């Protein structure tokens, strides 16, 4: 039979490995979540470009 100390260590190790699993899953989901963010940033940049184009047109039209 295992001694009390050995049992405690084994239980601690078990708990540690269980706690590490969700961390890895979280990291994977974070990398997945970062992909749509970059797409959003691209679309935002496009919208900004459109705004600047419309502003440029307004300034051209206002000039005689």
Protein backbone atom coordinates (compact mmCIF):
# COMPACT_ATOMS: atom_id res chain seq x y z
CA UNK A 1 0.00 0.00 0.00
CA UNK A 2 1.03 3.57 -0.60
CA UNK A 3 1.95 5.73 2.32
CA UNK A 4 -0.14 8.80 3.13
CA UNK A 5 2.49 11.15 1.67
CA UNK A 6 2.65 9.24 -1.61
CA UNK A 7 -1.14 9.31 -1.89
CA UNK A 8 -1.24 13.07 -1.30
CA UNK A 9 1.41 13.67 -3.95
CA UNK A 10 -0.44 11.50 -6.44
CA UNK A 11 -3.69 13.36 -5.80
CA UNK A 12 -1.91 16.69 -6.22
CA UNK A 13 -0.43 15.57 -9.51
CA UNK A 14 -3.83 14.43 -10.71
CA UNK A 15 -5.35 17.79 -9.83
CA UNK A 16 -2.53 19.64 -11.60
CA UNK A 17 -2.97 17.71 -14.82
CA UNK A 18 -6.73 18.27 -14.70
CA UNK A 19 -6.22 22.00 -14.20
CA UNK A 20 -3.81 22.24 -17.12
CA UNK A 21 -6.27 20.77 -19.63
CA UNK A 22 -8.72 23.70 -19.67
CA UNK A 23 -5.82 26.12 -20.03
CA UNK A 24 -4.74 24.43 -23.24
CA UNK A 25 -8.34 24.47 -24.51
CA UNK A 26 -8.60 28.18 -23.68
CA UNK A 27 -5.44 28.91 -25.62
CA UNK A 28 -6.81 27.07 -28.65
CA UNK A 29 -10.10 28.96 -28.49
CA UNK A 30 -8.22 32.25 -28.15
CA UNK A 31 -6.29 31.57 -31.34
CA UNK A 32 -9.58 30.73 -33.08
CA UNK A 33 -11.17 33.91 -31.73
CA UNK A 34 -8.34 36.06 -33.02
CA UNK A 35 -9.06 35.18 -36.65
CA UNK A 36 -12.42 36.97 -36.93
CA UNK A 37 -10.92 39.97 -35.16
CA UNK A 38 -8.42 40.43 -37.95
CA UNK A 39 -11.26 40.20 -40.48
CA UNK A 40 -13.14 42.87 -38.52
CA UNK A 41 -10.07 45.08 -38.53
CA UNK A 42 -9.78 44.69 -42.31
CA UNK A 43 -13.42 45.66 -42.80
CA UNK A 44 -12.98 48.64 -40.48
CA UNK A 45 -10.00 49.75 -42.51
CA UNK A 46 -12.10 49.48 -45.69
CA UNK A 47 -14.87 51.57 -44.11
CA UNK A 48 -12.30 54.21 -43.15
CA UNK A 49 -11.03 54.23 -46.73
CA UNK A 50 -14.59 54.75 -47.98
CA UNK A 51 -15.04 57.65 -45.56
CA UNK A 52 -11.85 59.29 -46.70
CA UNK A 53 -12.87 58.83 -50.36
CA UNK A 54 -16.25 60.45 -49.74
CA UNK A 55 -14.58 63.31 -47.86
CA UNK A 56 -12.18 63.79 -50.78
CA UNK A 57 -15.09 63.91 -53.21
CA UNK A 58 -16.87 66.47 -51.03
CA UNK A 59 -13.82 68.72 -51.00
CA UNK A 60 -13.42 68.36 -54.80
CA UNK A 61 -17.09 69.21 -55.36
CA UNK A 62 -16.99 72.25 -53.09
CA UNK A 63 -14.02 73.74 -54.94
CA UNK A 64 -15.00 75.91 -57.93
